[in-house]
PDB file of N, CA and C in Angstrom:
ATOM      1  N   MET A   1     -34.937  47.070  15.613  1.00  0.00           N
ATOM      2  CA  MET A   1     -34.696  46.201  16.744  1.00  0.00           C
ATOM      3  C   MET A   1     -34.870  44.738  16.365  1.00  0.00           C
ATOM      4  N   ALA A   2     -35.862  44.427  15.543  1.00  0.00           N
ATOM      5  CA  ALA A   2     -36.116  43.041  15.139  1.00  0.00           C
ATOM      6  C   ALA A   2     -34.955  42.490  14.333  1.00  0.00           C
ATOM      7  N   ARG A   3     -34.330  43.331  13.496  1.00  0.00           N
ATOM      8  CA  ARG A   3     -33.193  42.871  12.704  1.00  0.00           C
ATOM      9  C   ARG A   3     -32.026  42.499  13.595  1.00  0.00           C
ATOM     10  N   LYS A   4     -31.760  43.315  14.606  1.00  0.00           N
ATOM     11  CA  LYS A   4     -30.666  43.010  15.524  1.00  0.00           C
ATOM     12  C   LYS A   4     -30.941  41.718  16.281  1.00  0.00           C
ATOM     13  N   LYS A   5     -32.188  41.532  16.695  1.00  0.00           N
ATOM     14  CA  LYS A   5     -32.556  40.327  17.422  1.00  0.00           C
ATOM     15  C   LYS A   5     -32.363  39.101  16.540  1.00  0.00           C
ATOM     16  N   ALA A   6     -32.789  39.192  15.277  1.00  0.00           N
ATOM     17  CA  ALA A   6     -32.628  38.073  14.348  1.00  0.00           C
ATOM     18  C   ALA A   6     -31.157  37.767  14.121  1.00  0.00           C
ATOM     19  N   ALA A   7     -30.339  38.808  13.974  1.00  0.00           N
ATOM     20  CA  ALA A   7     -28.904  38.604  13.779  1.00  0.00           C
ATOM     21  C   ALA A   7     -28.274  37.975  15.019  1.00  0.00           C
ATOM     22  N   LEU A   8     -28.689  38.440  16.188  1.00  0.00           N
ATOM     23  CA  LEU A   8     -28.164  37.876  17.423  1.00  0.00           C
ATOM     24  C   LEU A   8     -28.597  36.424  17.595  1.00  0.00           C
ATOM     25  N   ASP A   9     -29.847  36.124  17.242  1.00  0.00           N
ATOM     26  CA  ASP A   9     -30.326  34.749  17.321  1.00  0.00           C
ATOM     27  C   ASP A   9     -29.532  33.851  16.387  1.00  0.00           C
ATOM     28  N   PHE A  10     -29.246  34.335  15.180  1.00  0.00           N
ATOM     29  CA  PHE A  10     -28.455  33.558  14.230  1.00  0.00           C
ATOM     30  C   PHE A  10     -27.056  33.313  14.782  1.00  0.00           C
ATOM     31  N   GLU A  11     -26.425  34.378  15.264  1.00  0.00           N
ATOM     32  CA  GLU A  11     -25.067  34.261  15.794  1.00  0.00           C
ATOM     33  C   GLU A  11     -25.022  33.317  16.999  1.00  0.00           C
ATOM     34  N   ARG A  12     -26.019  33.432  17.860  1.00  0.00           N
ATOM     35  CA  ARG A  12     -26.078  32.560  19.039  1.00  0.00           C
ATOM     36  C   ARG A  12     -26.286  31.104  18.622  1.00  0.00           C
ATOM     37  N   SER A  13     -27.186  30.875  17.679  1.00  0.00           N
ATOM     38  CA  SER A  13     -27.441  29.517  17.192  1.00  0.00           C
ATOM     39  C   SER A  13     -26.193  28.928  16.540  1.00  0.00           C
ATOM     40  N   LEU A  14     -25.501  29.728  15.774  1.00  0.00           N
ATOM     41  CA  LEU A  14     -24.288  29.268  15.116  1.00  0.00           C
ATOM     42  C   LEU A  14     -23.207  28.927  16.141  1.00  0.00           C
ATOM     43  N   ALA A  15     -23.065  29.761  17.169  1.00  0.00           N
ATOM     44  CA  ALA A  15     -22.086  29.493  18.222  1.00  0.00           C
ATOM     45  C   ALA A  15     -22.431  28.206  18.977  1.00  0.00           C
ATOM     46  N   GLU A  16     -23.717  28.014  19.272  1.00  0.00           N
ATOM     47  CA  GLU A  16     -24.152  26.794  19.947  1.00  0.00           C
ATOM     48  C   GLU A  16     -23.878  25.577  19.083  1.00  0.00           C
ATOM     49  N   LEU A  17     -24.116  25.708  17.798  1.00  0.00           N
ATOM     50  CA  LEU A  17     -23.871  24.612  16.867  1.00  0.00           C
ATOM     51  C   LEU A  17     -22.386  24.253  16.841  1.00  0.00           C
ATOM     52  N   GLN A  18     -21.527  25.250  16.841  1.00  0.00           N
ATOM     53  CA  GLN A  18     -20.088  25.003  16.847  1.00  0.00           C
ATOM     54  C   GLN A  18     -19.664  24.283  18.131  1.00  0.00           C
ATOM     55  N   GLN A  19     -20.250  24.677  19.252  1.00  0.00           N
ATOM     56  CA  GLN A  19     -19.938  24.009  20.518  1.00  0.00           C
ATOM     57  C   GLN A  19     -20.391  22.551  20.502  1.00  0.00           C
ATOM     58  N   LEU A  20     -21.574  22.303  19.933  1.00  0.00           N
ATOM     59  CA  LEU A  20     -22.068  20.929  19.834  1.00  0.00           C
ATOM     60  C   LEU A  20     -21.142  20.068  18.976  1.00  0.00           C
ATOM     61  N   VAL A  21     -20.699  20.623  17.869  1.00  0.00           N
ATOM     62  CA  VAL A  21     -19.791  19.887  16.988  1.00  0.00           C
ATOM     63  C   VAL A  21     -18.500  19.533  17.731  1.00  0.00           C
ATOM     64  N   GLU A  22     -17.963  20.492  18.474  1.00  0.00           N
ATOM     65  CA  GLU A  22     -16.745  20.240  19.245  1.00  0.00           C
ATOM     66  C   GLU A  22     -16.959  19.129  20.270  1.00  0.00           C
ATOM     67  N   ARG A  23     -18.115  19.164  20.943  1.00  0.00           N
ATOM     68  CA  ARG A  23     -18.418  18.124  21.939  1.00  0.00           C
ATOM     69  C   ARG A  23     -18.543  16.761  21.268  1.00  0.00           C
ATOM     70  N   LEU A  24     -19.208  16.726  20.126  1.00  0.00           N
ATOM     71  CA  LEU A  24     -19.374  15.459  19.415  1.00  0.00           C
ATOM     72  C   LEU A  24     -18.034  14.935  18.899  1.00  0.00           C
ATOM     73  N   GLU A  25     -17.199  15.831  18.410  1.00  0.00           N
ATOM     74  CA  GLU A  25     -15.901  15.423  17.879  1.00  0.00           C
ATOM     75  C   GLU A  25     -14.938  14.969  18.969  1.00  0.00           C
ATOM     76  N   SER A  26     -15.182  15.381  20.191  1.00  0.00           N
ATOM     77  CA  SER A  26     -14.284  14.990  21.283  1.00  0.00           C
ATOM     78  C   SER A  26     -14.321  13.488  21.522  1.00  0.00           C
ATOM     79  N   GLY A  27     -15.457  12.863  21.217  1.00  0.00           N
ATOM     80  CA  GLY A  27     -15.579  11.425  21.398  1.00  0.00           C
ATOM     81  C   GLY A  27     -15.787  11.005  22.832  1.00  0.00           C
ATOM     82  N   GLU A  28     -16.036  11.943  23.717  1.00  0.00           N
ATOM     83  CA  GLU A  28     -16.171  11.633  25.134  1.00  0.00           C
ATOM     84  C   GLU A  28     -17.624  11.520  25.591  1.00  0.00           C
ATOM     85  N   LEU A  29     -18.562  11.698  24.697  1.00  0.00           N
ATOM     86  CA  LEU A  29     -19.978  11.640  25.064  1.00  0.00           C
ATOM     87  C   LEU A  29     -20.491  10.205  24.956  1.00  0.00           C
ATOM     88  N   SER A  30     -21.467   9.904  25.789  1.00  0.00           N
ATOM     89  CA  SER A  30     -22.131   8.610  25.676  1.00  0.00           C
ATOM     90  C   SER A  30     -22.977   8.608  24.407  1.00  0.00           C
ATOM     91  N   LEU A  31     -23.449   7.446  24.022  1.00  0.00           N
ATOM     92  CA  LEU A  31     -24.293   7.347  22.835  1.00  0.00           C
ATOM     93  C   LEU A  31     -25.546   8.194  23.001  1.00  0.00           C
ATOM     94  N   GLU A  32     -26.165   8.125  24.170  1.00  0.00           N
ATOM     95  CA  GLU A  32     -27.384   8.895  24.412  1.00  0.00           C
ATOM     96  C   GLU A  32     -27.109  10.397  24.340  1.00  0.00           C
ATOM     97  N   ASP A  33     -26.024  10.838  24.967  1.00  0.00           N
ATOM     98  CA  ASP A  33     -25.672  12.262  24.912  1.00  0.00           C
ATOM     99  C   ASP A  33     -25.339  12.690  23.488  1.00  0.00           C
ATOM    100  N   SER A  34     -24.661  11.825  22.750  1.00  0.00           N
ATOM    101  CA  SER A  34     -24.330  12.127  21.359  1.00  0.00           C
ATOM    102  C   SER A  34     -25.589  12.297  20.527  1.00  0.00           C
ATOM    103  N   LEU A  35     -26.546  11.416  20.724  1.00  0.00           N
ATOM    104  CA  LEU A  35     -27.805  11.520  19.986  1.00  0.00           C
ATOM    105  C   LEU A  35     -28.567  12.790  20.347  1.00  0.00           C
ATOM    106  N   ASN A  36     -28.573  13.146  21.636  1.00  0.00           N
ATOM    107  CA  ASN A  36     -29.225  14.388  22.065  1.00  0.00           C
ATOM    108  C   ASN A  36     -28.551  15.602  21.437  1.00  0.00           C
ATOM    109  N   CYS A  37     -27.221  15.610  21.424  1.00  0.00           N
ATOM    110  CA  CYS A  37     -26.484  16.716  20.814  1.00  0.00           C
ATOM    111  C   CYS A  37     -26.757  16.775  19.318  1.00  0.00           C
ATOM    112  N   PHE A  38     -26.800  15.617  18.684  1.00  0.00           N
ATOM    113  CA  PHE A  38     -27.075  15.570  17.257  1.00  0.00           C
ATOM    114  C   PHE A  38     -28.461  16.131  16.952  1.00  0.00           C
ATOM    115  N   GLU A  39     -29.441  15.744  17.752  1.00  0.00           N
ATOM    116  CA  GLU A  39     -30.806  16.227  17.569  1.00  0.00           C
ATOM    117  C   GLU A  39     -30.871  17.746  17.749  1.00  0.00           C
ATOM    118  N   GLN A  40     -30.203  18.238  18.765  1.00  0.00           N
ATOM    119  CA  GLN A  40     -30.168  19.685  18.994  1.00  0.00           C
ATOM    120  C   GLN A  40     -29.440  20.381  17.840  1.00  0.00           C
ATOM    121  N   GLY A  41     -28.400  19.765  17.347  1.00  0.00           N
ATOM    122  CA  GLY A  41     -27.661  20.326  16.216  1.00  0.00           C
ATOM    123  C   GLY A  41     -28.507  20.432  14.960  1.00  0.00           C
ATOM    124  N   ILE A  42     -29.343  19.425  14.734  1.00  0.00           N
ATOM    125  CA  ILE A  42     -30.237  19.466  13.579  1.00  0.00           C
ATOM    126  C   ILE A  42     -31.209  20.635  13.704  1.00  0.00           C
ATOM    127  N   ARG A  43     -31.757  20.844  14.904  1.00  0.00           N
ATOM    128  CA  ARG A  43     -32.674  21.975  15.115  1.00  0.00           C
ATOM    129  C   ARG A  43     -31.960  23.305  14.869  1.00  0.00           C
ATOM    130  N   LEU A  44     -30.753  23.439  15.406  1.00  0.00           N
ATOM    131  CA  LEU A  44     -29.996  24.673  15.224  1.00  0.00           C
ATOM    132  C   LEU A  44     -29.645  24.899  13.760  1.00  0.00           C
ATOM    133  N   THR A  45     -29.294  23.829  13.061  1.00  0.00           N
ATOM    134  CA  THR A  45     -28.969  23.936  11.640  1.00  0.00           C
ATOM    135  C   THR A  45     -30.175  24.424  10.858  1.00  0.00           C
ATOM    136  N   ARG A  46     -31.336  23.899  11.170  1.00  0.00           N
ATOM    137  CA  ARG A  46     -32.557  24.333  10.482  1.00  0.00           C
ATOM    138  C   ARG A  46     -32.866  25.792  10.788  1.00  0.00           C
ATOM    139  N   ASP A  47     -32.667  26.197  12.032  1.00  0.00           N
ATOM    140  CA  ASP A  47     -32.887  27.601  12.399  1.00  0.00           C
ATOM    141  C   ASP A  47     -31.944  28.516  11.624  1.00  0.00           C
ATOM    142  N   CYS A  48     -30.677  28.133  11.549  1.00  0.00           N
ATOM    143  CA  CYS A  48     -29.686  28.939  10.822  1.00  0.00           C
ATOM    144  C   CYS A  48     -30.022  28.989   9.336  1.00  0.00           C
ATOM    145  N   GLN A  49     -30.421  27.853   8.777  1.00  0.00           N
ATOM    146  CA  GLN A  49     -30.773  27.820   7.359  1.00  0.00           C
ATOM    147  C   GLN A  49     -31.968  28.716   7.067  1.00  0.00           C
ATOM    148  N   THR A  50     -32.940  28.714   7.952  1.00  0.00           N
ATOM    149  CA  THR A  50     -34.109  29.578   7.789  1.00  0.00           C
ATOM    150  C   THR A  50     -33.687  31.046   7.806  1.00  0.00           C
ATOM    151  N   ALA A  51     -32.822  31.399   8.753  1.00  0.00           N
ATOM    152  CA  ALA A  51     -32.348  32.786   8.850  1.00  0.00           C
ATOM    153  C   ALA A  51     -31.581  33.188   7.594  1.00  0.00           C
ATOM    154  N   LEU A  52     -30.754  32.290   7.073  1.00  0.00           N
ATOM    155  CA  LEU A  52     -29.994  32.597   5.863  1.00  0.00           C
ATOM    156  C   LEU A  52     -30.906  32.733   4.649  1.00  0.00           C
ATOM    157  N   THR A  53     -31.917  31.903   4.564  1.00  0.00           N
ATOM    158  CA  THR A  53     -32.878  31.985   3.464  1.00  0.00           C
ATOM    159  C   THR A  53     -33.619  33.312   3.510  1.00  0.00           C
ATOM    160  N   GLN A  54     -34.033  33.721   4.708  1.00  0.00           N
ATOM    161  CA  GLN A  54     -34.724  35.001   4.851  1.00  0.00           C
ATOM    162  C   GLN A  54     -33.809  36.161   4.468  1.00  0.00           C
ATOM    163  N   ALA A  55     -32.554  36.089   4.852  1.00  0.00           N
ATOM    164  CA  ALA A  55     -31.605  37.143   4.502  1.00  0.00           C
ATOM    165  C   ALA A  55     -31.406  37.194   2.990  1.00  0.00           C
ATOM    166  N   GLU A  56     -31.319  36.030   2.354  1.00  0.00           N
ATOM    167  CA  GLU A  56     -31.163  35.983   0.906  1.00  0.00           C
ATOM    168  C   GLU A  56     -32.378  36.599   0.209  1.00  0.00           C
ATOM    169  N   GLN A  57     -33.565  36.321   0.712  1.00  0.00           N
ATOM    170  CA  GLN A  57     -34.777  36.894   0.130  1.00  0.00           C
ATOM    171  C   GLN A  57     -34.787  38.409   0.271  1.00  0.00           C
ATOM    172  N   LYS A  58     -34.329  38.903   1.404  1.00  0.00           N
ATOM    173  CA  LYS A  58     -34.268  40.358   1.608  1.00  0.00           C
ATOM    174  C   LYS A  58     -33.284  40.994   0.634  1.00  0.00           C
ATOM    175  N   VAL A  59     -32.148  40.327   0.418  1.00  0.00           N
ATOM    176  CA  VAL A  59     -31.156  40.853  -0.525  1.00  0.00           C
ATOM    177  C   VAL A  59     -31.743  40.895  -1.931  1.00  0.00           C
ATOM    178  N   GLN A  60     -32.461  39.850  -2.325  1.00  0.00           N
ATOM    179  CA  GLN A  60     -33.070  39.836  -3.657  1.00  0.00           C
ATOM    180  C   GLN A  60     -34.085  40.955  -3.807  1.00  0.00           C
ATOM    181  N   ILE A  61     -34.859  41.205  -2.769  1.00  0.00           N
ATOM    182  CA  ILE A  61     -35.834  42.295  -2.817  1.00  0.00           C
ATOM    183  C   ILE A  61     -35.119  43.636  -2.967  1.00  0.00           C
ATOM    184  N   LEU A  62     -34.027  43.807  -2.243  1.00  0.00           N
ATOM    185  CA  LEU A  62     -33.283  45.063  -2.313  1.00  0.00           C
ATOM    186  C   LEU A  62     -32.625  45.268  -3.675  1.00  0.00           C
ATOM    187  N   LEU A  63     -32.246  44.167  -4.327  1.00  0.00           N
ATOM    188  CA  LEU A  63     -31.604  44.275  -5.633  1.00  0.00           C
ATOM    189  C   LEU A  63     -32.613  44.414  -6.776  1.00  0.00           C
ATOM    190  N   GLU A  64     -33.894  44.187  -6.455  1.00  0.00           N
ATOM    191  CA  GLU A  64     -34.912  44.232  -7.499  1.00  0.00           C
ATOM    192  C   GLU A  64     -35.088  45.666  -8.006  1.00  0.00           C
ATOM    193  N   ARG A  65     -35.059  45.794  -9.320  1.00  0.00           N
ATOM    194  CA  ARG A  65     -35.239  47.110  -9.955  1.00  0.00           C
ATOM    195  C   ARG A  65     -36.214  46.953 -11.120  1.00  0.00           C
ATOM    196  N   ASP A  66     -37.191  47.773 -11.191  1.00  0.00           N
ATOM    197  CA  ASP A  66     -38.146  47.792 -12.305  1.00  0.00           C
ATOM    198  C   ASP A  66     -38.763  46.421 -12.572  1.00  0.00           C
ATOM    199  N   GLY A  67     -39.061  45.688 -11.529  1.00  0.00           N
ATOM    200  CA  GLY A  67     -39.732  44.399 -11.690  1.00  0.00           C
ATOM    201  C   GLY A  67     -38.814  43.251 -12.061  1.00  0.00           C
ATOM    202  N   SER A  68     -37.524  43.496 -12.203  1.00  0.00           N
ATOM    203  CA  SER A  68     -36.605  42.399 -12.521  1.00  0.00           C
ATOM    204  C   SER A  68     -35.429  42.435 -11.551  1.00  0.00           C
ATOM    205  N   VAL A  69     -34.904  41.279 -11.303  1.00  0.00           N
ATOM    206  CA  VAL A  69     -33.786  41.175 -10.376  1.00  0.00           C
ATOM    207  C   VAL A  69     -32.504  41.456 -11.129  1.00  0.00           C
ATOM    208  N   ARG A  70     -31.741  42.338 -10.578  1.00  0.00           N
ATOM    209  CA  ARG A  70     -30.448  42.674 -11.160  1.00  0.00           C
ATOM    210  C   ARG A  70     -29.375  42.010 -10.314  1.00  0.00           C
ATOM    211  N   GLU A  71     -28.676  41.065 -10.898  1.00  0.00           N
ATOM    212  CA  GLU A  71     -27.647  40.379 -10.134  1.00  0.00           C
ATOM    213  C   GLU A  71     -26.394  41.237 -10.070  1.00  0.00           C
ATOM    214  N   ALA A  72     -25.752  41.169  -8.921  1.00  0.00           N
ATOM    215  CA  ALA A  72     -24.525  41.914  -8.731  1.00  0.00           C
ATOM    216  C   ALA A  72     -23.543  41.012  -8.002  1.00  0.00           C
ATOM    217  N   PRO A  73     -22.274  41.092  -8.336  1.00  0.00           N
ATOM    218  CA  PRO A  73     -21.306  40.237  -7.653  1.00  0.00           C
ATOM    219  C   PRO A  73     -21.182  40.632  -6.188  1.00  0.00           C
ATOM    220  N   PHE A  74     -20.960  39.634  -5.370  1.00  0.00           N
ATOM    221  CA  PHE A  74     -20.776  39.881  -3.950  1.00  0.00           C
ATOM    222  C   PHE A  74     -19.289  40.006  -3.693  1.00  0.00           C
ATOM    223  N   GLU A  75     -18.892  41.148  -3.228  1.00  0.00           N
ATOM    224  CA  GLU A  75     -17.477  41.393  -2.969  1.00  0.00           C
ATOM    225  C   GLU A  75     -17.238  41.476  -1.481  1.00  0.00           C
ATOM    226  N   THR A  76     -16.169  40.835  -1.044  1.00  0.00           N
ATOM    227  CA  THR A  76     -15.780  40.900   0.354  1.00  0.00           C
ATOM    228  C   THR A  76     -14.468  41.648   0.462  1.00  0.00           C
ATOM    229  N   ASP A  77     -14.107  41.978   1.670  1.00  0.00           N
ATOM    230  CA  ASP A  77     -12.847  42.685   1.898  1.00  0.00           C
ATOM    231  C   ASP A  77     -11.649  41.812   1.561  1.00  0.00           C
ATOM    232  N   THR A  78     -11.827  40.488   1.579  1.00  0.00           N
ATOM    233  CA  THR A  78     -10.693  39.587   1.354  1.00  0.00           C
ATOM    234  C   THR A  78     -10.435  39.327  -0.126  1.00  0.00           C
ATOM    235  N   GLN A  79     -11.360  39.715  -1.011  1.00  0.00           N
ATOM    236  CA  GLN A  79     -11.132  39.519  -2.447  1.00  0.00           C
ATOM    237  C   GLN A  79     -10.116  40.506  -2.935  1.00  0.00           C
ATOM    238  N   GLN A  80      -9.224  40.027  -3.828  1.00  0.00           N
ATOM    239  CA  GLN A  80      -8.192  40.912  -4.377  1.00  0.00           C
ATOM    240  C   GLN A  80      -8.260  40.944  -5.870  1.00  0.00           C
TER     241      GLN A  80
END
């Protein structure tokens, strides 16, 4: 359950960050609103970075074999 919650929090934070970027790029916000959005964006970015760092650490732990890390290429469905 905690993993799903963390994934949902990451996805929600990322979606909020994308909305903030769109609002900032629109150019229709006042300076004060722009600064507030920017500040909120920085917080969301840090939250997302923390989540990604934790995920990377979990992947390294899972790849660890016999006390050493075994690197493996990351393949996606889009690679040909």
